Amino acid sequence: MGVRRAVEMVLDAANRQQGPIYTYGPLIHNPQGLEILAEKGVTVLQDISGAKPGSVVIRAHGVPPRAKQAIVDAGLTIIDATCPRVIKVQTIISKYARQGCAAIIVGDKDHPEVTGLLGYAEGMGYIISHPDDLDKLPSLERAIVVAQTTQDRHLFDSIARTIAIRFPHFKVFNTICDSTLKRQAEVREMAKSVDAVVVVGGHNSANTQRLAHVVQQEGVPAFHIESEAELDYEAIEQLDSVGITAGASTPNWVIKKVYRTLEALPHQARGRWRLTVFRIQRWLLLSNLYLAVGAGCLSYTCALLSGIRPGFASALMATCYVLSMHILNNFIGKEAVRYNDPDRASFYDHNRPILFTLAIVSGAVGLFMAFALGSVPFLVLCIISLLGLSYKVKIIPRRLKIGKKIQRISDVPGSKTVLIALAWGVVTVILPHLSVSLEITTTMIFVSLWASVMAFVRTAFFDILDMQGDRIVGQESLPIVLGEKKTVRILKQLLVIFLAALIFAPMMHLTTTLAYGMILSVFYMAAVLMAFEQHWVVPGFRFEFLVETLFVFTAMVSGLWQVLV
C-alpha cells in the first residue's frame, strides 16, 4: 500500500503541477518503474543546494527529521509520501525517545527506511539483523524494540523470543506491515503447492529479495527476475505448475508481461494445434475482433429484446463500428496502451498496416450499413464516430479551457467509460430502432439502458485493471476518480438494479420474455467481478477472453430462446 501510494502521489504531482519534481532518493527499487518516472520528468534529488525551486517527494521509506528540515530550508516544497505504517513506527520511536528509551530496530542496516527511523531515536538507536547481534548491544536500562515494516516475520519473531528471555524489561512492538506479512504468508503457502515460484521485481528491492528467500525456505526453487526476458525457459518448461508473486514496487504491466509469457508456454509444449488455437485466440483478442463480434451479438440480442426482427445489416454495423473505433483509439492512445497492455502495444506495432487498413475498411462498411438502414441512422453514426475520433483532440482553445485543464473530451474525468457505454447503447439498440421507426418508445429506452449498463460494467472492469497505466499518462478514468473499491461497489449495484429490472420488464411490457434469459448475463458478469475480487483467476489472456465472451454468451441465450419460443 505504501509504495503504491507513493507512486500514485508522484504521478499525480507530475500530471498536475508545474516546475521540477524530485524524489528524495529512488522512489522504488525497480528499473522499469524508474524509467517511467524519468519519462514523466521526475528526477532523483542528488544535491539539495543545487536544486531549482520545485517539489520534493519523500518516498515511502521516510527520512530523518533533519533531512526534512534541510529540504524546507532550501526553499523546496515537500510532498510527504511516507507510508502511514512507517509513520507509525517513527511516532513510536519518537515518543519513547523523549522518555529516555533507546530504540532497537530489527532491520537491514543500509535500508533507507531504517536510516530514516534512526533519525527519530535522538542518538539512542541500534540496528540488529540477527539474534546474535543482541550480544553486541550496550547495557540498556530502558529500550523498545521495533521492526522495519518489510522485515521477515520469522526473523523478527525469533529475535523477539530471545529478547523476551534475556531482556524481559524491553518493550516489543511488532511493526511489520500487515501487507508484508500477508504477502509473505501467501507466498509461503503458494510454495507448498507449486514446483517453483517466479518472483518479479528489482534485483535491488529488499522486499522482493525477501519473497524469494521465503520461497527458498520452503525448499522450492525461486526465479527472481526483473522482466520476462530473464525467464529461464528451459528450466520452467520442465515444471507442471509455477507460482507468480511480485515485489511491492513492481509495475503491473511488468507482471502482466511475465504472466502472459508463462501462460503461452504450455501451448507451445503441447503440440502445434494447441499453439495454433492459442495464437488465433490471442489475435482475436488483441485486434479487438472478438470484442467487435460481441457487439454484433449484442445487437442481435437487443433486437429480440425489443421485439424487432434481428437484421444482418444492424449487427454488421455494430460490429464494424466497434472494431474501427477500438483499433483507431488504440493507435491514438498508444501511450496508455503501452503501460496497460504491453502485448497489445507490441501487437499494434508489428501489425500496424493490417490493423489500420482493417479500421478504415470496417469504419466504411459500418457507415454503409447505417446508410442502408436509413438517413437518420447514418447521420447519428457519423456524429458518434466523429466524437469518438476527436476524443483526444484539442477542441477547446487554451484561452477558453474549462476548469483546470479541460481542452479535450478525454480531459473530463471518467468520460471514457461513460461515453463508450453510451456509444454501445446507440449502435446496438437506438440505430436499429430508428431504422424501423423514428418514434421514441419506452422499450427502446429500457433496452438501450440495459445494453449501455452491460457495456459500462465491462469497460469499467477493464479500467480497474488499467488504473496504473492510466495514472501514468494522466487519464482520469472512473476508477481513478472514484477509487477501485467504490467503482466495484457501483458496478455491483448496477447489476443488482438491472437484475430486478429484467424480472419486471416483461410484466410491464418493456421487453419480450427474453429478459428472463438475460438475467443469466447479469450473473455472468457478477461471477467475473467475484472471481476478480477473490483472486480466483489471474488477469491474462484466458480471463480477458472470458470477460469478452459476455456478449457472445447473451447471443447464445437469445438463440436458444428464439428456438424455444
Protein backbone atom coordinates (compact mmCIF):
# COMPACT_ATOMS: atom_id res chain seq x y z
CA MET A 1 0.00 0.00 0.00
CA GLY A 2 2.74 2.48 0.97
CA VAL A 3 4.76 2.04 -2.21
CA ARG A 4 1.66 2.16 -4.43
CA ARG A 5 0.51 5.29 -2.63
CA ALA A 6 3.89 6.98 -3.11
CA VAL A 7 3.96 6.15 -6.83
CA GLU A 8 0.41 7.47 -7.27
CA MET A 9 1.29 10.69 -5.43
CA VAL A 10 4.35 11.39 -7.56
CA LEU A 11 2.47 10.60 -10.80
CA ASP A 12 -0.41 12.87 -9.80
CA ALA A 13 2.09 15.62 -8.99
CA ALA A 14 3.83 15.14 -12.36
CA ASN A 15 0.50 15.35 -14.22
CA ARG A 16 -0.87 18.38 -12.36
CA GLN A 17 1.99 20.58 -11.16
CA GLN A 18 4.32 22.93 -12.94
CA GLY A 19 8.02 23.08 -12.17
CA PRO A 20 10.58 20.43 -11.27
CA ILE A 21 9.55 17.39 -9.24
CA TYR A 22 12.20 15.46 -7.37
CA THR A 23 12.25 12.33 -5.26
CA TYR A 24 14.45 12.18 -2.19
CA GLY A 25 16.36 9.10 -3.26
CA PRO A 26 14.99 6.49 -5.74
CA LEU A 27 11.24 6.22 -5.17
CA ILE A 28 11.23 2.48 -5.87
CA HIS A 29 13.78 -0.25 -6.48
CA ASN A 30 12.50 -1.22 -9.89
CA PRO A 31 14.31 -0.12 -13.08
CA GLN A 32 11.19 -0.18 -15.29
CA GLY A 33 9.29 1.96 -12.80
CA LEU A 34 12.17 4.43 -12.50
CA GLU A 35 12.33 4.74 -16.30
CA ILE A 36 8.66 5.72 -16.36
CA LEU A 37 9.19 8.37 -13.68
CA ALA A 38 12.15 9.77 -15.64
CA GLU A 39 9.95 9.99 -18.76
CA LYS A 40 7.44 11.99 -16.68
CA GLY A 41 10.19 14.47 -15.75
CA VAL A 42 10.65 13.18 -12.20
CA THR A 43 14.31 13.14 -11.15
CA VAL A 44 16.17 11.84 -8.12
CA LEU A 45 17.42 14.69 -5.97
CA GLN A 46 21.21 14.46 -5.78
CA ASP A 47 22.14 17.78 -4.20
CA ILE A 48 19.65 19.91 -2.27
CA SER A 49 21.78 23.04 -2.51
CA GLY A 50 21.82 22.97 -6.31
CA ALA A 51 18.15 22.11 -6.84
CA LYS A 52 15.87 24.52 -8.68
CA PRO A 53 12.68 25.58 -6.85
CA GLY A 54 10.17 22.75 -7.04
CA SER A 55 8.60 19.89 -5.11
CA VAL A 56 10.40 17.05 -3.37
CA VAL A 57 8.57 13.77 -2.82
CA ILE A 58 9.57 11.93 0.35
CA ARG A 59 9.42 8.29 -0.62
CA ALA A 60 7.51 5.60 1.28
CA HIS A 61 10.59 4.70 3.35
CA GLY A 62 10.56 8.10 5.07
CA VAL A 63 13.56 10.25 6.00
CA PRO A 64 15.14 11.52 9.25
CA PRO A 65 13.69 14.79 10.65
CA ARG A 66 16.92 16.63 9.88
CA ALA A 67 16.62 15.72 6.18
CA LYS A 68 13.10 17.17 6.04
CA GLN A 69 14.24 20.37 7.65
CA ALA A 70 17.11 20.68 5.17
CA ILE A 71 14.64 20.42 2.28
CA VAL A 72 12.46 23.17 3.77
CA ASP A 73 15.50 25.37 4.44
CA ALA A 74 16.49 25.02 0.77
CA GLY A 75 13.16 26.58 -0.24
CA LEU A 76 11.69 23.40 -1.68
CA THR A 77 8.12 22.16 -1.20
CA ILE A 78 7.69 18.77 0.46
CA ILE A 79 5.20 16.17 -0.78
CA ASP A 80 5.31 13.64 2.03
CA ALA A 81 4.61 10.16 0.66
CA THR A 82 5.94 8.37 3.73
CA CYS A 83 3.96 5.18 4.22
CA PRO A 84 1.44 5.59 7.09
CA ARG A 85 2.77 2.37 8.63
CA VAL A 86 6.31 3.78 8.60
CA ILE A 87 4.99 6.99 10.19
CA LYS A 88 3.52 4.83 12.96
CA VAL A 89 6.97 3.34 13.70
CA GLN A 90 8.55 6.81 13.61
CA THR A 91 5.94 8.02 16.11
CA ILE A 92 6.61 5.12 18.48
CA ILE A 93 10.39 5.70 18.41
CA SER A 94 9.99 9.47 18.85
CA LYS A 95 7.55 9.08 21.75
CA TYR A 96 9.79 6.74 23.74
CA ALA A 97 12.97 8.64 22.83
CA ARG A 98 11.52 11.67 24.64
CA GLN A 99 11.13 9.40 27.68
CA GLY A 100 14.79 8.39 27.52
CA CYS A 101 14.25 4.96 25.92
CA ALA A 102 16.67 3.53 23.40
CA ALA A 103 15.26 2.09 20.17
CA ILE A 104 16.34 -1.30 18.89
CA ILE A 105 15.39 -1.61 15.23
CA VAL A 106 15.20 -5.08 13.69
CA GLY A 107 16.07 -4.40 10.08
CA ASP A 108 18.67 -4.12 7.34
CA LYS A 109 21.44 -1.72 8.26
CA ASP A 110 21.65 0.08 4.91
CA HIS A 111 17.93 0.15 4.14
CA PRO A 112 16.60 3.72 3.70
CA GLU A 113 13.62 3.07 6.00
CA VAL A 114 15.96 2.04 8.82
CA THR A 115 18.12 5.10 8.18
CA GLY A 116 15.03 7.27 8.50
CA LEU A 117 13.86 5.52 11.69
CA LEU A 118 17.25 6.05 13.34
CA GLY A 119 16.76 9.79 12.91
CA TYR A 120 13.85 9.68 15.38
CA ALA A 121 15.82 7.86 18.11
CA GLU A 122 17.72 11.02 19.18
CA GLY A 123 21.09 9.23 19.09
CA MET A 124 19.84 6.20 21.04
CA GLY A 125 19.10 3.89 18.12
CA TYR A 126 20.58 0.45 17.45
CA ILE A 127 20.16 -1.89 14.49
CA ILE A 128 20.09 -5.66 14.72
CA SER A 129 19.50 -8.09 11.88
CA HIS A 130 20.18 -11.40 13.65
CA PRO A 131 19.63 -12.78 17.19
CA ASP A 132 23.41 -12.90 17.64
CA ASP A 133 23.53 -9.11 17.26
CA LEU A 134 21.92 -8.80 20.70
CA ASP A 135 25.31 -9.65 22.23
CA LYS A 136 26.76 -6.51 20.65
CA LEU A 137 24.27 -4.15 22.32
CA PRO A 138 25.47 -1.96 25.21
CA SER A 139 23.84 -2.31 28.60
CA LEU A 140 20.43 -0.65 28.28
CA GLU A 141 18.11 0.03 31.21
CA ARG A 142 15.15 1.07 29.07
CA ALA A 143 14.56 0.19 25.45
CA ILE A 144 11.88 -0.55 22.91
CA VAL A 145 12.09 -2.99 20.03
CA VAL A 146 10.51 -2.23 16.63
CA ALA A 147 10.78 -3.78 13.18
CA GLN A 148 11.47 -2.44 9.74
CA THR A 149 7.98 -2.63 8.18
CA THR A 150 9.13 -5.02 5.43
CA GLN A 151 11.13 -7.27 7.75
CA ASP A 152 10.86 -11.06 7.64
CA ARG A 153 8.27 -12.15 10.20
CA HIS A 154 10.08 -15.34 11.23
CA LEU A 155 13.33 -13.45 11.86
CA PHE A 156 11.55 -10.82 13.95
CA ASP A 157 9.68 -13.48 15.94
CA SER A 158 12.96 -15.26 16.63
CA ILE A 159 14.60 -12.05 17.88
CA ALA A 160 11.50 -11.12 19.91
CA ARG A 161 11.54 -14.52 21.67
CA THR A 162 15.22 -14.12 22.53
CA ILE A 163 14.60 -10.62 23.87
CA ALA A 164 11.67 -11.83 25.99
CA ILE A 165 14.01 -14.30 27.70
CA ARG A 166 17.15 -12.17 28.03
CA PHE A 167 15.67 -8.67 28.32
CA PRO A 168 12.13 -9.03 29.71
CA HIS A 169 12.09 -5.32 30.64
CA PHE A 170 12.30 -4.27 26.97
CA LYS A 171 9.01 -3.35 25.32
CA VAL A 172 8.46 -5.09 21.95
CA PHE A 173 6.32 -3.63 19.12
CA ASN A 174 5.62 -5.81 16.11
CA THR A 175 5.57 -3.10 13.44
CA ILE A 176 5.87 -5.32 10.38
CA CYS A 177 3.36 -4.14 7.77
CA ASP A 178 0.21 -6.26 7.51
CA SER A 179 0.57 -6.27 3.72
CA THR A 180 4.12 -7.60 4.03
CA LEU A 181 3.02 -10.30 6.47
CA LYS A 182 0.11 -11.28 4.26
CA ARG A 183 2.21 -11.47 1.10
CA GLN A 184 4.93 -13.49 2.80
CA ALA A 185 2.32 -15.86 4.25
CA GLU A 186 0.61 -16.22 0.86
CA VAL A 187 3.91 -16.90 -0.87
CA ARG A 188 4.88 -19.45 1.78
CA GLU A 189 1.53 -21.20 1.27
CA MET A 190 1.83 -20.97 -2.52
CA ALA A 191 5.27 -22.57 -2.45
CA LYS A 192 3.74 -25.72 -0.92
CA SER A 193 1.52 -26.33 -3.94
CA VAL A 194 3.79 -25.48 -6.91
CA ASP A 195 7.05 -26.73 -8.39
CA ALA A 196 8.66 -23.27 -8.45
CA VAL A 197 7.84 -19.60 -7.90
CA VAL A 198 8.71 -16.72 -10.21
CA VAL A 199 9.38 -13.60 -8.12
CA VAL A 200 9.10 -10.43 -10.22
CA GLY A 201 10.84 -7.27 -9.04
CA GLY A 202 14.03 -5.23 -8.94
CA HIS A 203 17.17 -7.13 -8.02
CA ASN A 204 17.92 -4.35 -5.50
CA SER A 205 14.45 -4.45 -3.93
CA ALA A 206 14.69 -5.69 -0.33
CA ASN A 207 11.08 -6.89 -0.10
CA THR A 208 11.37 -8.73 -3.43
CA GLN A 209 14.57 -10.44 -2.28
CA ARG A 210 12.80 -11.43 0.92
CA LEU A 211 9.94 -13.03 -1.01
CA ALA A 212 12.45 -15.11 -2.97
CA HIS A 213 14.10 -16.09 0.33
CA VAL A 214 10.72 -17.15 1.79
CA VAL A 215 10.18 -19.44 -1.21
CA GLN A 216 13.62 -20.97 -0.83
CA GLN A 217 12.98 -21.57 2.88
CA GLU A 218 10.15 -23.89 1.78
CA GLY A 219 12.62 -25.88 -0.32
CA VAL A 220 11.17 -24.67 -3.63
CA PRO A 221 13.18 -23.08 -6.47
CA ALA A 222 12.70 -19.31 -6.78
CA PHE A 223 13.34 -17.46 -10.05
CA HIS A 224 13.96 -13.80 -9.14
CA ILE A 225 13.60 -11.77 -12.35
CA GLU A 226 13.10 -8.13 -13.29
CA SER A 227 11.31 -8.81 -16.59
CA GLU A 228 10.11 -11.67 -18.79
CA ALA A 229 13.40 -11.51 -20.72
CA GLU A 230 15.17 -13.10 -17.73
CA LEU A 231 12.90 -16.17 -17.57
CA ASP A 232 14.74 -19.49 -17.71
CA TYR A 233 12.50 -21.16 -20.30
CA GLU A 234 14.34 -24.48 -20.31
CA ALA A 235 14.01 -24.87 -16.54
CA ILE A 236 10.39 -23.69 -16.39
CA GLU A 237 9.17 -25.84 -19.29
CA GLN A 238 10.05 -28.94 -17.25
CA LEU A 239 7.65 -27.92 -14.46
CA ASP A 240 3.96 -28.72 -14.08
CA SER A 241 2.94 -25.69 -12.02
CA VAL A 242 4.53 -22.31 -11.39
CA GLY A 243 3.53 -19.64 -8.90
CA ILE A 244 3.98 -15.91 -9.51
CA THR A 245 4.48 -13.16 -6.97
CA ALA A 246 5.97 -9.68 -7.16
CA GLY A 247 7.66 -7.05 -5.07
CA ALA A 248 5.70 -4.06 -3.82
CA SER A 249 7.18 -1.67 -6.38
CA THR A 250 6.86 -3.89 -9.45
CA PRO A 251 4.66 -2.18 -12.10
CA ASN A 252 1.51 -4.03 -13.16
CA TRP A 253 2.50 -4.13 -16.83
CA VAL A 254 5.76 -5.91 -15.97
CA ILE A 255 3.86 -8.57 -14.01
CA LYS A 256 1.34 -8.90 -16.86
CA LYS A 257 4.10 -9.49 -19.44
CA VAL A 258 5.66 -12.18 -17.25
CA TYR A 259 2.31 -13.87 -16.69
CA ARG A 260 1.37 -13.83 -20.37
CA THR A 261 4.77 -15.23 -21.33
CA LEU A 262 4.31 -18.09 -18.88
CA GLU A 263 0.70 -18.52 -19.99
CA ALA A 264 1.84 -19.24 -23.55
CA LEU A 265 4.48 -21.86 -22.63
CA PRO A 266 2.11 -24.84 -22.11
CA HIS A 267 0.55 -24.25 -25.55
CA GLN A 268 3.99 -24.35 -27.17
CA ALA A 269 4.85 -27.61 -25.41
CA ARG A 270 1.58 -29.49 -26.07
CA GLY A 271 1.63 -29.58 -29.85
CA ARG A 272 1.12 -27.44 -32.93
CA TRP A 273 -2.69 -27.44 -32.95
CA ARG A 274 -2.91 -26.16 -29.36
CA LEU A 275 -0.43 -23.43 -30.18
CA THR A 276 -2.40 -22.52 -33.32
CA VAL A 277 -5.64 -22.23 -31.35
CA PHE A 278 -3.90 -20.08 -28.74
CA ARG A 279 -2.45 -17.77 -31.40
CA ILE A 280 -5.84 -17.37 -33.08
CA GLN A 281 -7.42 -16.60 -29.71
CA ARG A 282 -4.67 -14.08 -28.99
CA TRP A 283 -5.09 -12.41 -32.41
CA LEU A 284 -8.85 -12.11 -31.98
CA LEU A 285 -8.43 -10.60 -28.53
CA LEU A 286 -5.60 -8.14 -29.23
CA SER A 287 -7.06 -6.95 -32.54
CA ASN A 288 -10.47 -6.33 -30.87
CA LEU A 289 -12.12 -8.59 -33.47
CA TYR A 290 -13.63 -10.75 -30.73
CA LEU A 291 -14.98 -7.67 -28.95
CA ALA A 292 -16.46 -6.44 -32.23
CA VAL A 293 -18.18 -9.79 -32.77
CA GLY A 294 -19.59 -9.33 -29.27
CA ALA A 295 -21.08 -6.00 -30.36
CA GLY A 296 -22.82 -7.73 -33.25
CA CYS A 297 -24.10 -10.40 -30.85
CA LEU A 298 -25.41 -7.72 -28.50
CA SER A 299 -27.21 -6.04 -31.42
CA TYR A 300 -28.92 -9.36 -32.22
CA THR A 301 -29.94 -9.81 -28.57
CA CYS A 302 -31.25 -6.25 -28.23
CA ALA A 303 -33.40 -6.65 -31.36
CA LEU A 304 -35.07 -9.72 -29.83
CA LEU A 305 -35.49 -7.91 -26.51
CA SER A 306 -37.15 -5.03 -28.34
CA GLY A 307 -39.46 -7.27 -30.31
CA ILE A 308 -37.74 -6.30 -33.56
CA ARG A 309 -36.70 -8.84 -36.16
CA PRO A 310 -32.88 -9.13 -35.99
CA GLY A 311 -31.18 -7.79 -39.09
CA PHE A 312 -27.79 -8.67 -40.55
CA ALA A 313 -27.18 -5.03 -41.51
CA SER A 314 -27.70 -3.82 -37.93
CA ALA A 315 -25.40 -6.48 -36.44
CA LEU A 316 -22.71 -5.83 -39.07
CA MET A 317 -22.95 -2.07 -38.49
CA ALA A 318 -22.41 -2.53 -34.72
CA THR A 319 -19.53 -4.96 -35.32
CA CYS A 320 -17.75 -2.69 -37.79
CA TYR A 321 -18.25 0.48 -35.73
CA VAL A 322 -16.84 -1.07 -32.54
CA LEU A 323 -13.92 -2.65 -34.42
CA SER A 324 -13.00 0.57 -36.19
CA MET A 325 -13.27 2.80 -33.11
CA HIS A 326 -11.33 0.47 -30.81
CA ILE A 327 -8.49 -0.05 -33.29
CA LEU A 328 -8.17 3.67 -34.06
CA ASN A 329 -8.34 4.63 -30.38
CA ASN A 330 -5.62 2.10 -29.61
CA PHE A 331 -3.45 3.89 -32.15
CA ILE A 332 -4.42 7.34 -30.82
CA GLY A 333 -3.98 6.35 -27.17
CA LYS A 334 -0.89 4.22 -27.74
CA GLU A 335 0.93 5.76 -24.76
CA ALA A 336 -1.64 4.39 -22.31
CA VAL A 337 -1.77 1.04 -24.16
CA ARG A 338 1.99 0.77 -23.75
CA TYR A 339 1.62 0.59 -19.96
CA ASN A 340 -1.80 -1.02 -19.60
CA ASP A 341 -1.32 -3.77 -22.14
CA PRO A 342 2.27 -4.09 -23.41
CA ASP A 343 1.37 -7.15 -25.51
CA ARG A 344 -1.33 -5.19 -27.32
CA ALA A 345 1.07 -2.28 -27.86
CA SER A 346 3.65 -4.65 -29.37
CA PHE A 347 0.93 -6.34 -31.43
CA TYR A 348 -0.18 -2.98 -32.87
CA ASP A 349 3.41 -2.01 -33.68
CA HIS A 350 4.04 -5.26 -35.57
CA ASN A 351 0.70 -5.30 -37.40
CA ARG A 352 0.20 -1.58 -37.99
CA PRO A 353 -0.58 -1.70 -41.77
CA ILE A 354 -3.06 -4.59 -41.44
CA LEU A 355 -4.84 -3.12 -38.41
CA PHE A 356 -5.01 0.40 -39.81
CA THR A 357 -6.47 -0.95 -43.08
CA LEU A 358 -8.93 -3.07 -41.09
CA ALA A 359 -10.02 0.00 -39.09
CA ILE A 360 -10.63 2.11 -42.23
CA VAL A 361 -12.43 -0.67 -44.10
CA SER A 362 -14.61 -1.65 -41.13
CA GLY A 363 -15.44 2.02 -40.48
CA ALA A 364 -16.53 2.46 -44.10
CA VAL A 365 -18.58 -0.76 -44.04
CA GLY A 366 -20.23 0.34 -40.80
CA LEU A 367 -21.25 3.68 -42.32
CA PHE A 368 -22.52 1.95 -45.47
CA MET A 369 -24.65 -0.42 -43.35
CA ALA A 370 -26.01 2.57 -41.41
CA PHE A 371 -26.85 4.30 -44.71
CA ALA A 372 -28.66 1.15 -45.81
CA LEU A 373 -30.74 1.35 -42.61
CA GLY A 374 -31.77 4.93 -43.35
CA SER A 375 -30.59 8.54 -43.39
CA VAL A 376 -31.19 9.11 -39.67
CA PRO A 377 -29.10 6.09 -38.50
CA PHE A 378 -26.37 7.14 -40.97
CA LEU A 379 -26.33 10.72 -39.63
CA VAL A 380 -26.25 9.59 -35.99
CA LEU A 381 -23.43 7.11 -36.65
CA CYS A 382 -21.42 9.83 -38.42
CA ILE A 383 -21.80 12.08 -35.38
CA ILE A 384 -20.76 9.48 -32.77
CA SER A 385 -17.88 8.35 -35.00
CA LEU A 386 -16.56 11.93 -35.18
CA LEU A 387 -16.92 12.27 -31.41
CA GLY A 388 -15.00 9.02 -30.95
CA LEU A 389 -12.16 10.12 -33.23
CA SER A 390 -11.95 13.56 -31.60
CA TYR A 391 -11.82 12.13 -28.06
CA LYS A 392 -8.16 13.07 -27.57
CA VAL A 393 -8.10 16.07 -29.91
CA LYS A 394 -7.89 19.62 -28.51
CA ILE A 395 -11.26 21.11 -29.38
CA ILE A 396 -11.34 23.94 -26.81
CA PRO A 397 -8.78 26.75 -27.26
CA ARG A 398 -6.35 27.20 -24.37
CA ARG A 399 -7.75 30.64 -23.56
CA LEU A 400 -11.26 29.16 -23.24
CA LYS A 401 -10.34 25.93 -21.44
CA ILE A 402 -12.77 24.81 -18.76
CA GLY A 403 -11.65 24.30 -15.19
CA LYS A 404 -8.00 23.49 -14.65
CA LYS A 405 -7.09 21.88 -17.96
CA ILE A 406 -10.11 20.65 -19.92
CA GLN A 407 -9.37 21.12 -23.61
CA ARG A 408 -10.27 17.63 -24.86
CA ILE A 409 -13.20 15.32 -24.20
CA SER A 410 -10.65 12.94 -22.66
CA ASP A 411 -9.80 15.60 -20.04
CA VAL A 412 -13.26 15.18 -18.47
CA PRO A 413 -12.80 12.77 -15.52
CA GLY A 414 -14.46 9.41 -16.11
CA SER A 415 -15.61 10.36 -19.62
CA LYS A 416 -14.06 7.35 -21.38
CA THR A 417 -16.09 4.75 -19.51
CA VAL A 418 -19.37 6.63 -19.81
CA LEU A 419 -19.03 7.56 -23.50
CA ILE A 420 -18.05 4.04 -24.58
CA ALA A 421 -21.09 2.64 -22.78
CA LEU A 422 -23.42 5.21 -24.38
CA ALA A 423 -21.97 4.54 -27.84
CA TRP A 424 -22.65 0.81 -27.44
CA GLY A 425 -26.24 1.57 -26.45
CA VAL A 426 -26.69 3.76 -29.53
CA VAL A 427 -25.25 1.36 -32.14
CA THR A 428 -26.81 -1.82 -30.75
CA VAL A 429 -30.29 -0.50 -29.90
CA ILE A 430 -31.14 3.04 -30.94
CA LEU A 431 -29.90 2.93 -34.56
CA PRO A 432 -31.65 -0.39 -35.37
CA HIS A 433 -34.83 1.03 -33.77
CA LEU A 434 -34.57 4.24 -35.81
CA SER A 435 -34.34 2.17 -38.98
CA VAL A 436 -37.81 0.80 -38.18
CA SER A 437 -39.45 3.81 -36.54
CA LEU A 438 -38.44 7.34 -35.60
CA GLU A 439 -40.72 7.19 -32.56
CA ILE A 440 -39.00 7.12 -29.18
CA THR A 441 -40.51 4.31 -27.11
CA THR A 442 -40.12 3.11 -23.54
CA THR A 443 -38.90 -0.23 -24.89
CA MET A 444 -36.12 1.45 -26.86
CA ILE A 445 -35.08 3.48 -23.80
CA PHE A 446 -35.08 0.46 -21.47
CA VAL A 447 -33.20 -1.88 -23.80
CA SER A 448 -30.62 0.79 -24.69
CA LEU A 449 -30.08 1.44 -20.99
CA TRP A 450 -29.57 -2.28 -20.38
CA ALA A 451 -27.07 -2.54 -23.25
CA SER A 452 -25.24 0.60 -22.06
CA VAL A 453 -25.05 -0.67 -18.48
CA MET A 454 -23.63 -4.04 -19.55
CA ALA A 455 -21.07 -2.26 -21.74
CA PHE A 456 -20.37 0.14 -18.85
CA VAL A 457 -19.68 -2.70 -16.41
CA ARG A 458 -17.40 -4.43 -18.91
CA THR A 459 -15.49 -1.20 -19.71
CA ALA A 460 -15.19 -0.08 -16.09
CA PHE A 461 -13.88 -3.51 -15.14
CA PHE A 462 -11.05 -3.23 -17.66
CA ASP A 463 -10.46 0.35 -16.47
CA ILE A 464 -9.81 -1.08 -13.00
CA LEU A 465 -7.15 -3.37 -14.46
CA ASP A 466 -5.65 -0.39 -16.32
CA MET A 467 -5.53 2.06 -13.41
CA GLN A 468 -1.75 2.18 -13.14
CA GLY A 469 -1.17 2.92 -16.82
CA ASP A 470 -3.99 5.49 -16.96
CA ARG A 471 -2.50 7.28 -13.98
CA ILE A 472 0.91 7.41 -15.67
CA VAL A 473 -0.46 9.14 -18.77
CA GLY A 474 -2.79 11.38 -16.75
CA GLN A 475 -6.03 9.74 -17.93
CA GLU A 476 -8.60 10.18 -15.16
CA SER A 477 -10.67 7.06 -15.70
CA LEU A 478 -13.63 6.32 -13.48
CA PRO A 479 -11.71 4.01 -11.07
CA ILE A 480 -9.02 6.67 -10.63
CA VAL A 481 -11.65 9.32 -9.85
CA LEU A 482 -13.73 7.13 -7.52
CA GLY A 483 -11.21 4.54 -6.38
CA GLU A 484 -11.14 0.81 -7.13
CA LYS A 485 -13.37 -0.35 -4.26
CA LYS A 486 -16.04 2.28 -4.85
CA THR A 487 -16.08 1.53 -8.58
CA VAL A 488 -16.55 -2.20 -7.96
CA ARG A 489 -19.35 -1.38 -5.50
CA ILE A 490 -21.11 0.78 -8.11
CA LEU A 491 -20.81 -1.99 -10.72
CA LYS A 492 -22.38 -4.47 -8.31
CA GLN A 493 -25.20 -2.04 -7.55
CA LEU A 494 -25.90 -1.55 -11.27
CA LEU A 495 -26.04 -5.30 -11.80
CA VAL A 496 -28.46 -5.71 -8.89
CA ILE A 497 -30.68 -2.90 -10.21
CA PHE A 498 -30.88 -4.43 -13.67
CA LEU A 499 -31.37 -7.90 -12.25
CA ALA A 500 -34.57 -6.61 -10.65
CA ALA A 501 -35.47 -4.58 -13.76
CA LEU A 502 -35.17 -7.63 -16.03
CA ILE A 503 -37.54 -9.57 -13.78
CA PHE A 504 -40.29 -6.95 -14.03
CA ALA A 505 -39.66 -5.64 -17.58
CA PRO A 506 -41.76 -8.27 -19.42
CA MET A 507 -44.61 -7.79 -16.94
CA MET A 508 -44.56 -4.06 -17.71
CA HIS A 509 -44.38 -4.76 -21.48
CA LEU A 510 -40.97 -3.08 -21.72
CA THR A 511 -39.30 -6.11 -23.32
CA THR A 512 -40.04 -9.59 -24.55
CA THR A 513 -39.69 -12.59 -22.21
CA LEU A 514 -36.07 -12.88 -23.36
CA ALA A 515 -35.39 -10.52 -20.43
CA TYR A 516 -35.62 -13.54 -18.14
CA GLY A 517 -32.82 -15.18 -20.10
CA MET A 518 -30.72 -12.01 -19.84
CA ILE A 519 -30.70 -12.47 -16.07
CA LEU A 520 -28.04 -15.08 -16.84
CA SER A 521 -25.86 -12.37 -18.42
CA VAL A 522 -26.09 -10.35 -15.20
CA PHE A 523 -24.99 -13.40 -13.22
CA TYR A 524 -22.20 -13.97 -15.77
CA MET A 525 -20.73 -10.50 -15.18
CA ALA A 526 -21.28 -10.76 -11.42
CA ALA A 527 -19.28 -14.01 -11.45
CA VAL A 528 -16.45 -12.24 -13.29
CA LEU A 529 -16.35 -9.48 -10.65
CA MET A 530 -16.37 -12.04 -7.85
CA ALA A 531 -13.57 -14.07 -9.46
CA PHE A 532 -11.50 -10.88 -9.74
CA GLU A 533 -12.16 -9.76 -6.17
CA GLN A 534 -11.43 -13.18 -4.69
CA HIS A 535 -8.28 -13.63 -6.82
CA TRP A 536 -9.61 -16.91 -8.21
CA VAL A 537 -8.11 -16.09 -11.60
CA VAL A 538 -5.20 -14.01 -12.83
CA PRO A 539 -5.90 -11.28 -15.43
CA GLY A 540 -4.35 -12.85 -18.53
CA PHE A 541 -5.49 -13.90 -22.00
CA ARG A 542 -7.84 -16.59 -20.73
CA PHE A 543 -9.52 -14.33 -18.20
CA GLU A 544 -9.86 -11.41 -20.63
CA PHE A 545 -11.25 -13.77 -23.26
CA LEU A 546 -13.78 -14.93 -20.66
CA VAL A 547 -14.86 -11.32 -19.99
CA GLU A 548 -15.17 -10.52 -23.70
CA THR A 549 -17.33 -13.62 -24.13
CA LEU A 550 -20.11 -11.86 -22.17
CA PHE A 551 -21.93 -10.58 -25.28
CA VAL A 552 -21.37 -13.81 -27.22
CA PHE A 553 -22.99 -15.56 -24.26
CA THR A 554 -26.03 -13.25 -24.49
CA ALA A 555 -26.41 -14.17 -28.16
CA MET A 556 -26.24 -17.89 -27.33
CA VAL A 557 -29.01 -17.46 -24.73
CA SER A 558 -31.01 -15.37 -27.23
CA GLY A 559 -30.66 -18.00 -29.94
CA LEU A 560 -31.88 -20.70 -27.57
CA TRP A 561 -34.85 -18.52 -26.56
CA GLN A 562 -35.70 -17.85 -30.21
CA VAL A 563 -35.73 -21.58 -30.95
CA LEU A 564 -37.81 -22.48 -27.91
CA VAL A 565 -40.26 -19.56 -28.10
